[in-house]
Amino acid sequence: MLVAFSVAPAGGDDDGSVAEAVARAVEVVRDSGLPWELTSMFTTIEGEWDEVMEVVKQATAAVVMVSPRVSLVLKADIRPGYTGQLAAKVDRVNRLLGQ
């Protein structure tokens, strides 16, 4: 399964940035050992239900450590029997675009 999620404090620092808190969450994802990708809006991870949800839980807890209020957005692509889709889905589109 693929899970794209965004976790951030409900408020930012003096200039509105949430980068420091998000970096804490991304460290959890990076240290999980699961395949992942960071974009400007979401972090996407791939794995089995329980392992992916545990990483999301830990990443959220990392942000809670620096903020009393946290926002979590999560989108999942659940397709049993398929792995390697983090790159494969993008590759299929790129082939159709001639890239």
N, C-alpha and C. Protein backbone atom coordinates (compact mmCIF):
# COMPACT_ATOMS: atom_id res chain seq x y z
N MET A 1 0.83 -1.17 0.00
CA MET A 1 0.00 0.00 0.00
C MET A 1 0.87 1.24 0.00
N LEU A 2 0.35 2.28 -0.61
CA LEU A 2 1.00 3.58 -0.57
C LEU A 2 0.19 4.49 0.32
N VAL A 3 0.87 5.26 1.15
CA VAL A 3 0.21 6.25 1.98
C VAL A 3 0.92 7.58 1.80
N ALA A 4 0.16 8.57 1.34
CA ALA A 4 0.66 9.94 1.26
C ALA A 4 0.08 10.67 2.46
N PHE A 5 0.97 11.28 3.24
CA PHE A 5 0.46 11.99 4.41
C PHE A 5 1.22 13.29 4.62
N SER A 6 0.53 14.18 5.29
CA SER A 6 1.09 15.47 5.66
C SER A 6 0.78 15.68 7.14
N VAL A 7 1.80 15.88 7.92
CA VAL A 7 1.60 16.15 9.35
C VAL A 7 2.38 17.40 9.69
N ALA A 8 1.71 18.33 10.37
CA ALA A 8 2.34 19.61 10.69
C ALA A 8 1.65 20.24 11.88
N PRO A 9 2.36 21.12 12.58
CA PRO A 9 1.72 21.86 13.66
C PRO A 9 0.58 22.71 13.10
N ALA A 10 -0.43 22.95 13.91
CA ALA A 10 -1.54 23.79 13.46
C ALA A 10 -1.10 25.23 13.26
N GLY A 11 0.00 25.65 13.88
CA GLY A 11 0.57 26.99 13.70
C GLY A 11 2.05 26.88 13.40
N GLY A 12 2.59 27.85 12.70
CA GLY A 12 4.01 27.82 12.37
C GLY A 12 4.83 28.69 13.29
N ASP A 13 6.09 28.89 12.93
CA ASP A 13 6.95 29.78 13.71
C ASP A 13 6.62 31.23 13.35
N ASP A 14 7.48 32.16 13.71
CA ASP A 14 7.20 33.58 13.50
C ASP A 14 6.93 33.94 12.04
N ASP A 15 7.55 33.23 11.10
CA ASP A 15 7.31 33.54 9.68
C ASP A 15 6.34 32.55 9.03
N GLY A 16 5.68 31.72 9.85
CA GLY A 16 4.69 30.78 9.33
C GLY A 16 5.24 29.45 8.88
N SER A 17 6.53 29.25 9.00
CA SER A 17 7.15 28.01 8.55
C SER A 17 6.88 26.85 9.53
N VAL A 18 6.66 25.68 8.96
CA VAL A 18 6.50 24.46 9.77
C VAL A 18 7.63 23.47 9.47
N ALA A 19 8.67 23.95 8.78
CA ALA A 19 9.74 23.08 8.30
C ALA A 19 10.44 22.30 9.41
N GLU A 20 10.69 22.94 10.55
CA GLU A 20 11.41 22.24 11.62
C GLU A 20 10.60 21.06 12.15
N ALA A 21 9.33 21.25 12.36
CA ALA A 21 8.48 20.17 12.85
C ALA A 21 8.33 19.07 11.79
N VAL A 22 8.17 19.47 10.54
CA VAL A 22 8.04 18.49 9.46
C VAL A 22 9.32 17.67 9.34
N ALA A 23 10.47 18.30 9.52
CA ALA A 23 11.74 17.58 9.46
C ALA A 23 11.78 16.48 10.52
N ARG A 24 11.23 16.73 11.70
CA ARG A 24 11.17 15.70 12.74
C ARG A 24 10.35 14.50 12.25
N ALA A 25 9.23 14.77 11.59
CA ALA A 25 8.39 13.69 11.07
C ALA A 25 9.11 12.92 9.97
N VAL A 26 9.79 13.64 9.09
CA VAL A 26 10.50 12.99 7.99
C VAL A 26 11.65 12.13 8.51
N GLU A 27 12.29 12.54 9.60
CA GLU A 27 13.33 11.70 10.21
C GLU A 27 12.76 10.34 10.61
N VAL A 28 11.55 10.34 11.17
CA VAL A 28 10.91 9.09 11.54
C VAL A 28 10.68 8.22 10.32
N VAL A 29 10.20 8.82 9.24
CA VAL A 29 9.95 8.08 8.00
C VAL A 29 11.27 7.53 7.45
N ARG A 30 12.28 8.37 7.39
CA ARG A 30 13.59 7.96 6.87
C ARG A 30 14.15 6.79 7.67
N ASP A 31 14.02 6.87 8.99
CA ASP A 31 14.58 5.83 9.85
C ASP A 31 13.77 4.54 9.84
N SER A 32 12.56 4.57 9.27
CA SER A 32 11.71 3.38 9.25
C SER A 32 12.24 2.27 8.34
N GLY A 33 13.02 2.65 7.34
CA GLY A 33 13.51 1.66 6.39
C GLY A 33 12.54 1.37 5.26
N LEU A 34 11.35 1.94 5.29
CA LEU A 34 10.38 1.74 4.21
C LEU A 34 10.72 2.65 3.03
N PRO A 35 10.34 2.24 1.82
CA PRO A 35 10.51 3.14 0.67
C PRO A 35 9.66 4.39 0.89
N TRP A 36 10.22 5.55 0.55
CA TRP A 36 9.48 6.80 0.77
C TRP A 36 9.94 7.87 -0.20
N GLU A 37 9.13 8.92 -0.29
CA GLU A 37 9.42 10.04 -1.15
C GLU A 37 8.86 11.30 -0.50
N LEU A 38 9.62 12.37 -0.54
CA LEU A 38 9.19 13.65 0.01
C LEU A 38 8.90 14.61 -1.13
N THR A 39 7.74 15.26 -1.07
CA THR A 39 7.42 16.32 -2.02
C THR A 39 7.09 17.58 -1.21
N SER A 40 6.78 18.64 -1.89
CA SER A 40 6.52 19.89 -1.19
C SER A 40 5.27 19.85 -0.32
N MET A 41 4.36 18.93 -0.60
CA MET A 41 3.10 18.88 0.13
C MET A 41 2.88 17.61 0.96
N PHE A 42 3.49 16.50 0.54
CA PHE A 42 3.24 15.22 1.20
C PHE A 42 4.51 14.39 1.29
N THR A 43 4.48 13.45 2.21
CA THR A 43 5.47 12.38 2.27
C THR A 43 4.72 11.11 1.93
N THR A 44 5.24 10.33 1.00
CA THR A 44 4.60 9.08 0.60
C THR A 44 5.49 7.93 1.03
N ILE A 45 4.88 6.93 1.66
CA ILE A 45 5.61 5.74 2.08
C ILE A 45 4.90 4.50 1.55
N GLU A 46 5.66 3.41 1.41
CA GLU A 46 5.10 2.17 0.89
C GLU A 46 5.42 1.02 1.83
N GLY A 47 4.43 0.19 2.06
CA GLY A 47 4.63 -0.98 2.89
C GLY A 47 3.30 -1.63 3.21
N GLU A 48 3.33 -2.54 4.16
CA GLU A 48 2.11 -3.21 4.61
C GLU A 48 1.35 -2.29 5.56
N TRP A 49 0.05 -2.53 5.68
CA TRP A 49 -0.84 -1.68 6.48
C TRP A 49 -0.26 -1.35 7.85
N ASP A 50 0.04 -2.37 8.64
CA ASP A 50 0.48 -2.14 10.02
C ASP A 50 1.78 -1.36 10.10
N GLU A 51 2.74 -1.67 9.22
CA GLU A 51 4.02 -0.98 9.31
C GLU A 51 3.89 0.47 8.84
N VAL A 52 3.10 0.72 7.81
CA VAL A 52 2.92 2.09 7.33
C VAL A 52 2.19 2.93 8.37
N MET A 53 1.12 2.38 8.93
CA MET A 53 0.35 3.14 9.92
C MET A 53 1.16 3.41 11.19
N GLU A 54 2.03 2.51 11.54
CA GLU A 54 2.90 2.73 12.71
C GLU A 54 3.85 3.89 12.45
N VAL A 55 4.38 3.98 11.23
CA VAL A 55 5.27 5.09 10.88
C VAL A 55 4.50 6.41 10.92
N VAL A 56 3.29 6.43 10.39
CA VAL A 56 2.47 7.64 10.43
C VAL A 56 2.21 8.04 11.88
N LYS A 57 1.91 7.07 12.71
CA LYS A 57 1.67 7.34 14.14
C LYS A 57 2.90 7.94 14.81
N GLN A 58 4.07 7.35 14.55
CA GLN A 58 5.31 7.85 15.15
C GLN A 58 5.68 9.23 14.62
N ALA A 59 5.46 9.46 13.32
CA ALA A 59 5.76 10.76 12.74
C ALA A 59 4.85 11.83 13.34
N THR A 60 3.60 11.49 13.55
CA THR A 60 2.67 12.42 14.18
C THR A 60 3.10 12.71 15.61
N ALA A 61 3.52 11.69 16.34
CA ALA A 61 3.99 11.87 17.71
C ALA A 61 5.21 12.79 17.76
N ALA A 62 6.07 12.71 16.75
CA ALA A 62 7.25 13.57 16.70
C ALA A 62 6.85 15.03 16.57
N VAL A 63 5.80 15.31 15.84
CA VAL A 63 5.33 16.69 15.68
C VAL A 63 4.60 17.15 16.95
N VAL A 64 3.86 16.25 17.56
CA VAL A 64 3.17 16.58 18.82
C VAL A 64 4.17 17.02 19.89
N MET A 65 5.40 16.53 19.82
CA MET A 65 6.43 16.90 20.79
C MET A 65 6.76 18.39 20.74
N VAL A 66 6.50 19.05 19.60
CA VAL A 66 6.83 20.47 19.46
C VAL A 66 5.61 21.37 19.29
N SER A 67 4.42 20.77 19.29
CA SER A 67 3.22 21.56 19.10
C SER A 67 2.04 20.93 19.83
N PRO A 68 1.27 21.72 20.54
CA PRO A 68 0.13 21.16 21.26
C PRO A 68 -1.05 20.82 20.35
N ARG A 69 -1.00 21.27 19.10
CA ARG A 69 -2.07 20.99 18.15
C ARG A 69 -1.45 20.65 16.80
N VAL A 70 -1.90 19.51 16.22
CA VAL A 70 -1.29 18.99 15.01
C VAL A 70 -2.37 18.66 13.98
N SER A 71 -2.07 18.91 12.73
CA SER A 71 -2.95 18.56 11.62
C SER A 71 -2.35 17.37 10.87
N LEU A 72 -3.19 16.37 10.57
CA LEU A 72 -2.76 15.19 9.82
C LEU A 72 -3.73 14.98 8.66
N VAL A 73 -3.17 14.89 7.45
CA VAL A 73 -3.93 14.56 6.25
C VAL A 73 -3.33 13.28 5.71
N LEU A 74 -4.18 12.31 5.35
CA LEU A 74 -3.69 11.00 4.91
C LEU A 74 -4.52 10.51 3.74
N LYS A 75 -3.84 9.99 2.73
CA LYS A 75 -4.49 9.38 1.57
C LYS A 75 -3.80 8.05 1.31
N ALA A 76 -4.58 6.98 1.12
CA ALA A 76 -4.00 5.65 0.94
C ALA A 76 -4.44 5.02 -0.37
N ASP A 77 -3.51 4.33 -1.02
CA ASP A 77 -3.79 3.52 -2.20
C ASP A 77 -3.57 2.08 -1.76
N ILE A 78 -4.66 1.36 -1.55
CA ILE A 78 -4.60 -0.01 -1.03
C ILE A 78 -4.82 -0.96 -2.19
N ARG A 79 -3.78 -1.69 -2.57
CA ARG A 79 -3.82 -2.58 -3.72
C ARG A 79 -3.06 -3.85 -3.36
N PRO A 80 -3.73 -4.80 -2.69
CA PRO A 80 -3.07 -6.03 -2.24
C PRO A 80 -2.34 -6.76 -3.38
N GLY A 81 -1.17 -7.26 -3.05
CA GLY A 81 -0.39 -8.03 -4.01
C GLY A 81 0.56 -7.22 -4.86
N TYR A 82 0.54 -5.90 -4.73
CA TYR A 82 1.41 -5.04 -5.52
C TYR A 82 2.45 -4.39 -4.61
N THR A 83 3.70 -4.42 -5.04
CA THR A 83 4.77 -3.73 -4.34
C THR A 83 5.55 -2.91 -5.37
N GLY A 84 6.41 -2.06 -4.89
CA GLY A 84 7.22 -1.25 -5.79
C GLY A 84 6.44 -0.19 -6.54
N GLN A 85 5.27 0.15 -6.04
CA GLN A 85 4.40 1.09 -6.75
C GLN A 85 4.78 2.55 -6.56
N LEU A 86 5.62 2.84 -5.59
CA LEU A 86 6.07 4.21 -5.37
C LEU A 86 6.70 4.77 -6.64
N ALA A 87 7.48 3.96 -7.31
CA ALA A 87 8.11 4.37 -8.57
C ALA A 87 7.33 3.88 -9.79
N ALA A 88 6.74 2.70 -9.71
CA ALA A 88 6.09 2.09 -10.88
C ALA A 88 4.92 2.93 -11.40
N LYS A 89 4.15 3.52 -10.49
CA LYS A 89 3.01 4.33 -10.94
C LYS A 89 3.49 5.54 -11.75
N VAL A 90 4.55 6.16 -11.30
CA VAL A 90 5.11 7.32 -12.00
C VAL A 90 5.72 6.88 -13.32
N ASP A 91 6.42 5.75 -13.32
CA ASP A 91 7.03 5.23 -14.55
C ASP A 91 5.99 4.97 -15.63
N ARG A 92 4.84 4.42 -15.26
CA ARG A 92 3.79 4.15 -16.24
C ARG A 92 3.30 5.44 -16.90
N VAL A 93 3.12 6.47 -16.13
CA VAL A 93 2.67 7.75 -16.69
C VAL A 93 3.76 8.35 -17.58
N ASN A 94 5.01 8.30 -17.11
CA ASN A 94 6.11 8.85 -17.90
C ASN A 94 6.25 8.14 -19.24
N ARG A 95 6.04 6.82 -19.27
CA ARG A 95 6.11 6.09 -20.55
C ARG A 95 5.03 6.60 -21.51
N LEU A 96 3.85 6.85 -21.00
CA LEU A 96 2.77 7.37 -21.85
C LEU A 96 3.08 8.78 -22.35
N LEU A 97 3.86 9.52 -21.60
CA LEU A 97 4.26 10.87 -22.01
C LEU A 97 5.50 10.86 -22.91
N GLY A 98 6.04 9.67 -23.17
CA GLY A 98 7.22 9.56 -24.01
C GLY A 98 8.50 9.94 -23.31
N GLN A 99 8.53 9.83 -22.01
CA GLN A 99 9.73 10.19 -21.25
C GLN A 99 10.49 8.96 -20.81
